[in-house]
Amino acid sequence: MARKAIEPQDRYLEVNGLNLHYLDWGNEKEQPMVLLHGFMAHAHVWDDFASTFGSQYHVIALDQRGHGESQWSKDMAYTLDDHFSDIASFVEVLSLNDLILIGHSMGGRNALFFAACASHGPERLILVDSRPDDTLQASQALRQLLVTFPLQARSLDEVVRAIQSLYPYLSRDFCLHIASYGYRQVQDGTFVPRFDTRMSLQSGREGYATEDLWPYMKNIACPALIVRGKESSFVSRKVAQKMCKQIPKAELREIPKSTHMPAQENPAALNKVITDFLSN
């Protein structure tokens, strides 16, 4: 996987009592674009995307609480309200005006909730394969995701094979990229996730359920782009179309040759869709 010479700066900000890590790709004079990863992921899943858009925007990829290099919550505070408070404080402290907010999966749910409830919401909202509520298919897809990612691995290659089994369109190099930033080696030589594994255990106990976001959609004032992977099991076309009807200024785009990670599985198609949306 080819990488651009420009690398992001690792930065930290204390928000709501937690030390949150984020990647800042520079270009501070341009319009800010904040990227929110999905459940169990991290800011580095956006590296290729950020290097593409970093010349036009001030791109920031956040490690949300309990993920990546950000601090875990001691009292397991990982609700929509907790994430909302983090995003609102993060945006305010960094003075990110006229914000473009992009979220994948869990990050998209958090972005949707923020856009609907913040007194000063984003200028543009992009939701990438983010389910708005519980369906049997989506819950089963989340269960498959959680049981496939090992909580302890003998090698990074074991993690890579798990990722490839879930996302056949991803290259092995990119799977290794995800694994390298998503796992750390511990004293006994094994590899464990960087995210707070209590979250995945709690999700299992709750039947892989999630909060209902339908009531909030009518409050989103900015133009919104709903993106789904054409082969996604998390968000059906019917659900995505319904989201577009509920959000006043929304449009839907499907990305071919992709499942739940269209930004990484088919970046050329996704980047064009987003470029067209932002320039319209």
Protein backbone atom coordinates (compact mmCIF):
# COMPACT_ATOMS: atom_id res chain seq x y z
CA MET A 1 0.00 0.00 0.00
CA ALA A 2 1.59 3.26 -1.16
CA ARG A 3 1.86 5.94 1.47
CA LYS A 4 2.23 9.68 1.04
CA ALA A 5 5.42 11.23 2.45
CA ILE A 6 3.44 13.65 4.63
CA GLU A 7 2.70 12.12 8.03
CA PRO A 8 0.25 13.35 10.67
CA GLN A 9 1.20 14.81 14.04
CA ASP A 10 0.24 12.81 17.13
CA ARG A 11 -1.54 15.15 19.51
CA TYR A 12 -3.44 14.83 22.78
CA LEU A 13 -6.21 16.81 24.41
CA GLU A 14 -7.78 16.32 27.81
CA VAL A 15 -11.53 16.15 27.38
CA ASN A 16 -14.04 15.36 30.12
CA GLY A 17 -11.30 13.94 32.32
CA LEU A 18 -9.86 11.66 29.62
CA ASN A 19 -6.70 12.12 27.60
CA LEU A 20 -7.80 11.77 23.98
CA HIS A 21 -5.35 11.14 21.15
CA TYR A 22 -5.83 12.47 17.63
CA LEU A 23 -3.93 12.67 14.36
CA ASP A 24 -3.58 16.15 12.90
CA TRP A 25 -2.68 16.24 9.20
CA GLY A 26 -1.91 19.96 9.22
CA ASN A 27 -3.17 22.59 6.77
CA GLU A 28 -4.79 24.47 9.66
CA LYS A 29 -5.93 27.40 7.52
CA GLU A 30 -8.32 25.19 5.54
CA GLN A 31 -11.81 24.01 6.46
CA PRO A 32 -11.67 21.43 9.27
CA MET A 33 -12.66 17.82 8.59
CA VAL A 34 -13.00 15.51 11.60
CA LEU A 35 -12.95 11.73 11.08
CA LEU A 36 -14.54 9.31 13.55
CA HIS A 37 -13.67 5.60 13.34
CA GLY A 38 -15.91 2.64 14.07
CA PHE A 39 -16.21 0.30 17.06
CA MET A 40 -12.92 -1.41 18.04
CA ALA A 41 -11.02 0.64 15.43
CA HIS A 42 -8.69 3.64 15.66
CA ALA A 43 -7.73 6.89 13.95
CA HIS A 44 -5.17 5.24 11.68
CA VAL A 45 -7.86 3.43 9.66
CA TRP A 46 -8.31 6.83 7.97
CA ASP A 47 -4.63 7.31 7.02
CA ASP A 48 -5.03 6.86 3.26
CA PHE A 49 -8.26 8.86 3.22
CA ALA A 50 -6.64 11.67 5.22
CA SER A 51 -3.58 11.81 2.98
CA THR A 52 -5.91 12.21 -0.01
CA PHE A 53 -8.02 15.03 1.46
CA GLY A 54 -5.27 16.63 3.55
CA SER A 55 -4.20 18.99 0.79
CA GLN A 56 -7.67 20.57 0.63
CA TYR A 57 -8.84 20.40 4.24
CA HIS A 58 -7.55 20.50 7.80
CA VAL A 59 -8.02 16.80 8.48
CA ILE A 60 -8.18 15.50 12.05
CA ALA A 61 -8.74 11.83 12.93
CA LEU A 62 -9.80 11.26 16.53
CA ASP A 63 -9.21 8.17 18.65
CA GLN A 64 -12.53 8.11 20.46
CA ARG A 65 -12.58 7.29 24.16
CA GLY A 66 -11.54 3.73 24.91
CA HIS A 67 -9.94 3.28 21.47
CA GLY A 68 -6.48 3.53 19.96
CA GLU A 69 -4.16 5.71 22.01
CA SER A 70 -6.96 7.47 23.88
CA GLN A 71 -7.60 6.82 27.54
CA TRP A 72 -10.13 4.24 28.70
CA SER A 73 -13.06 5.26 30.88
CA LYS A 74 -12.67 3.75 34.36
CA ASP A 75 -16.43 3.62 34.88
CA MET A 76 -17.26 2.30 31.39
CA ALA A 77 -18.80 5.57 30.24
CA TYR A 78 -19.24 4.85 26.52
CA THR A 79 -22.78 6.01 25.82
CA LEU A 80 -23.96 8.29 23.04
CA ASP A 81 -24.08 11.12 25.57
CA ASP A 82 -20.47 10.49 26.58
CA HIS A 83 -19.30 10.59 22.97
CA PHE A 84 -21.43 13.66 22.29
CA SER A 85 -19.79 15.49 25.18
CA ASP A 86 -16.33 14.50 23.90
CA ILE A 87 -17.00 15.67 20.35
CA ALA A 88 -18.61 18.92 21.48
CA SER A 89 -15.70 19.76 23.79
CA PHE A 90 -13.12 18.70 21.22
CA VAL A 91 -14.68 20.90 18.54
CA GLU A 92 -15.02 23.85 20.91
CA VAL A 93 -11.49 23.71 22.35
CA LEU A 94 -9.89 23.43 18.90
CA SER A 95 -12.23 26.11 17.45
CA LEU A 96 -13.26 23.89 14.53
CA ASN A 97 -15.71 26.15 12.74
CA ASP A 98 -17.63 25.23 9.56
CA LEU A 99 -16.87 21.61 10.34
CA ILE A 100 -17.14 18.66 7.98
CA LEU A 101 -17.90 15.66 10.18
CA ILE A 102 -17.37 12.14 8.83
CA GLY A 103 -18.11 9.03 10.84
CA HIS A 104 -17.93 5.32 10.11
CA SER A 105 -20.20 2.80 11.84
CA MET A 106 -20.13 3.69 15.58
CA GLY A 107 -18.38 6.93 14.64
CA GLY A 108 -21.21 7.70 12.25
CA ARG A 109 -23.78 7.12 14.98
CA ASN A 110 -21.87 9.52 17.23
CA ALA A 111 -21.62 12.03 14.38
CA LEU A 112 -25.35 11.78 13.67
CA PHE A 113 -26.23 12.34 17.32
CA PHE A 114 -23.87 15.32 17.52
CA ALA A 115 -25.26 16.88 14.33
CA ALA A 116 -28.81 16.50 15.65
CA CYS A 117 -28.21 17.79 19.17
CA ALA A 118 -25.33 20.30 19.10
CA SER A 119 -26.22 23.98 19.29
CA HIS A 120 -23.67 24.58 16.50
CA GLY A 121 -23.68 21.48 14.35
CA PRO A 122 -21.40 20.65 11.43
CA GLU A 123 -21.62 22.34 8.05
CA ARG A 124 -21.64 18.93 6.31
CA LEU A 125 -22.29 15.46 7.68
CA ILE A 126 -21.15 12.17 6.12
CA LEU A 127 -22.28 8.86 7.61
CA VAL A 128 -20.45 5.78 6.34
CA ASP A 129 -22.26 2.48 6.86
CA SER A 130 -23.76 3.55 10.19
CA ARG A 131 -26.81 1.66 11.42
CA PRO A 132 -29.49 3.84 13.06
CA ASP A 133 -31.09 1.16 15.25
CA ASP A 134 -31.43 -2.56 15.88
CA THR A 135 -32.23 -5.02 13.17
CA LEU A 136 -31.61 -8.75 13.40
CA GLN A 137 -29.22 -8.65 10.44
CA ALA A 138 -27.19 -5.75 11.85
CA SER A 139 -26.98 -7.31 15.31
CA GLN A 140 -25.79 -10.57 13.80
CA ALA A 141 -23.20 -8.67 11.76
CA LEU A 142 -21.89 -6.97 14.91
CA ARG A 143 -21.76 -10.29 16.71
CA GLN A 144 -19.73 -11.77 13.86
CA LEU A 145 -17.36 -8.82 14.02
CA LEU A 146 -16.83 -9.17 17.76
CA VAL A 147 -16.33 -12.93 17.83
CA THR A 148 -13.90 -12.81 14.87
CA PHE A 149 -11.50 -10.23 16.30
CA PRO A 150 -9.30 -12.10 18.81
CA LEU A 151 -9.01 -10.72 22.35
CA GLN A 152 -5.59 -12.39 22.47
CA ALA A 153 -3.50 -13.35 19.45
CA ARG A 154 -0.23 -15.22 19.14
CA SER A 155 0.88 -12.96 16.26
CA LEU A 156 -0.24 -9.97 14.22
CA ASP A 157 -0.66 -12.36 11.30
CA GLU A 158 -3.45 -14.07 13.24
CA VAL A 159 -5.20 -10.70 13.52
CA VAL A 160 -4.61 -10.01 9.82
CA ARG A 161 -6.28 -13.31 8.89
CA ALA A 162 -9.27 -12.41 11.05
CA ILE A 163 -9.63 -9.01 9.36
CA GLN A 164 -9.31 -10.57 5.90
CA SER A 165 -12.07 -13.06 6.73
CA LEU A 166 -14.41 -10.15 7.49
CA TYR A 167 -13.33 -7.79 4.71
CA PRO A 168 -12.31 -9.72 1.58
CA TYR A 169 -11.85 -6.53 -0.45
CA LEU A 170 -9.07 -5.21 1.84
CA SER A 171 -5.46 -5.84 0.85
CA ARG A 172 -3.27 -7.80 3.21
CA ASP A 173 -1.04 -4.74 3.63
CA PHE A 174 -3.95 -2.64 4.83
CA CYS A 175 -5.14 -5.41 7.16
CA LEU A 176 -1.65 -5.40 8.66
CA HIS A 177 -1.85 -1.61 8.96
CA ILE A 178 -5.11 -1.94 10.92
CA ALA A 179 -3.69 -4.70 13.12
CA SER A 180 -0.42 -2.88 13.83
CA TYR A 181 -2.20 0.15 15.27
CA GLY A 182 -5.09 -1.80 16.77
CA TYR A 183 -3.08 -4.31 18.82
CA ARG A 184 -0.10 -4.13 21.17
CA GLN A 185 2.31 -6.81 22.33
CA VAL A 186 2.29 -7.62 26.04
CA GLN A 187 4.90 -9.18 28.31
CA ASP A 188 4.11 -12.82 27.46
CA GLY A 189 4.61 -12.10 23.75
CA THR A 190 0.96 -12.23 22.74
CA PHE A 191 -0.99 -9.37 21.16
CA VAL A 192 -4.06 -7.77 22.73
CA PRO A 193 -6.43 -5.05 21.43
CA ARG A 194 -5.77 -1.42 22.20
CA PHE A 195 -9.50 -0.75 22.60
CA ASP A 196 -11.26 -1.30 25.92
CA THR A 197 -12.36 -4.93 25.57
CA ARG A 198 -15.00 -4.43 28.27
CA MET A 199 -17.04 -2.66 25.58
CA SER A 200 -17.23 -5.75 23.37
CA LEU A 201 -18.09 -7.96 26.35
CA GLN A 202 -20.82 -5.55 27.38
CA SER A 203 -22.20 -5.47 23.84
CA GLY A 204 -22.48 -9.25 23.91
CA ARG A 205 -24.33 -9.18 27.22
CA GLU A 206 -26.77 -6.66 25.74
CA GLY A 207 -27.46 -8.80 22.69
CA TYR A 208 -25.41 -6.55 20.35
CA ALA A 209 -28.17 -3.94 20.62
CA THR A 210 -27.77 -0.25 19.99
CA GLU A 211 -29.69 2.95 20.72
CA ASP A 212 -32.50 4.11 18.43
CA LEU A 213 -31.44 7.22 16.49
CA TRP A 214 -34.52 7.64 14.31
CA PRO A 215 -36.13 10.33 16.53
CA TYR A 216 -33.10 12.62 16.14
CA MET A 217 -32.76 12.64 12.37
CA LYS A 218 -35.33 15.35 11.68
CA ASN A 219 -33.20 17.77 13.72
CA ILE A 220 -30.19 17.58 11.40
CA ALA A 221 -30.09 20.92 9.59
CA CYS A 222 -26.97 20.52 7.45
CA PRO A 223 -26.64 18.65 4.15
CA ALA A 224 -25.90 14.98 4.83
CA LEU A 225 -24.47 12.16 2.77
CA ILE A 226 -25.49 8.60 3.64
CA VAL A 227 -22.99 6.05 2.37
CA ARG A 228 -23.34 2.28 2.46
CA GLY A 229 -21.19 -0.51 1.15
CA LYS A 230 -23.20 -2.22 -1.55
CA GLU A 231 -22.58 -5.59 0.12
CA SER A 232 -22.96 -4.36 3.69
CA SER A 233 -24.74 -6.51 6.25
CA PHE A 234 -24.85 -3.64 8.77
CA VAL A 235 -27.04 -1.20 6.82
CA SER A 236 -29.54 -2.38 4.23
CA ARG A 237 -30.50 -0.31 1.22
CA LYS A 238 -34.02 -0.02 2.61
CA VAL A 239 -32.75 1.38 5.91
CA ALA A 240 -30.37 3.79 4.15
CA GLN A 241 -33.20 5.06 1.95
CA LYS A 242 -35.38 5.59 5.01
CA MET A 243 -32.58 7.58 6.65
CA CYS A 244 -32.51 9.87 3.62
CA LYS A 245 -36.23 10.49 4.00
CA GLN A 246 -35.92 11.28 7.70
CA ILE A 247 -32.91 13.63 7.42
CA PRO A 248 -34.15 16.80 5.67
CA LYS A 249 -31.17 17.40 3.35
CA ALA A 250 -29.78 13.91 2.83
CA GLU A 251 -28.72 11.91 -0.19
CA LEU A 252 -27.66 8.28 -0.53
CA ARG A 253 -24.70 6.77 -2.35
CA GLU A 254 -23.77 3.09 -2.49
CA ILE A 255 -20.17 2.01 -2.97
CA PRO A 256 -19.64 -1.10 -5.12
CA LYS A 257 -17.13 -3.81 -4.23
CA SER A 258 -17.34 -3.00 -0.53
CA THR A 259 -18.97 -4.33 2.62
CA HIS A 260 -18.79 -2.50 5.97
CA MET A 261 -15.62 -0.46 5.28
CA PRO A 262 -16.20 1.25 1.92
CA ALA A 263 -13.67 4.02 2.65
CA GLN A 264 -10.93 1.41 2.83
CA GLU A 265 -12.31 -1.33 0.57
CA ASN A 266 -13.04 0.88 -2.44
CA PRO A 267 -11.34 4.22 -1.71
CA ALA A 268 -11.43 5.52 -5.30
CA ALA A 269 -15.22 5.24 -5.48
CA LEU A 270 -15.79 6.57 -1.99
CA ASN A 271 -13.42 9.52 -2.45
CA LYS A 272 -15.19 10.56 -5.64
CA VAL A 273 -18.59 10.40 -3.96
CA ILE A 274 -17.37 12.55 -1.08
CA THR A 275 -15.57 15.01 -3.38
CA ASP A 276 -18.75 15.47 -5.42
CA PHE A 277 -20.82 15.97 -2.26
CA LEU A 278 -18.48 18.55 -0.76
CA SER A 279 -18.10 20.51 -3.99
CA ASN A 280 -21.84 20.59 -4.70
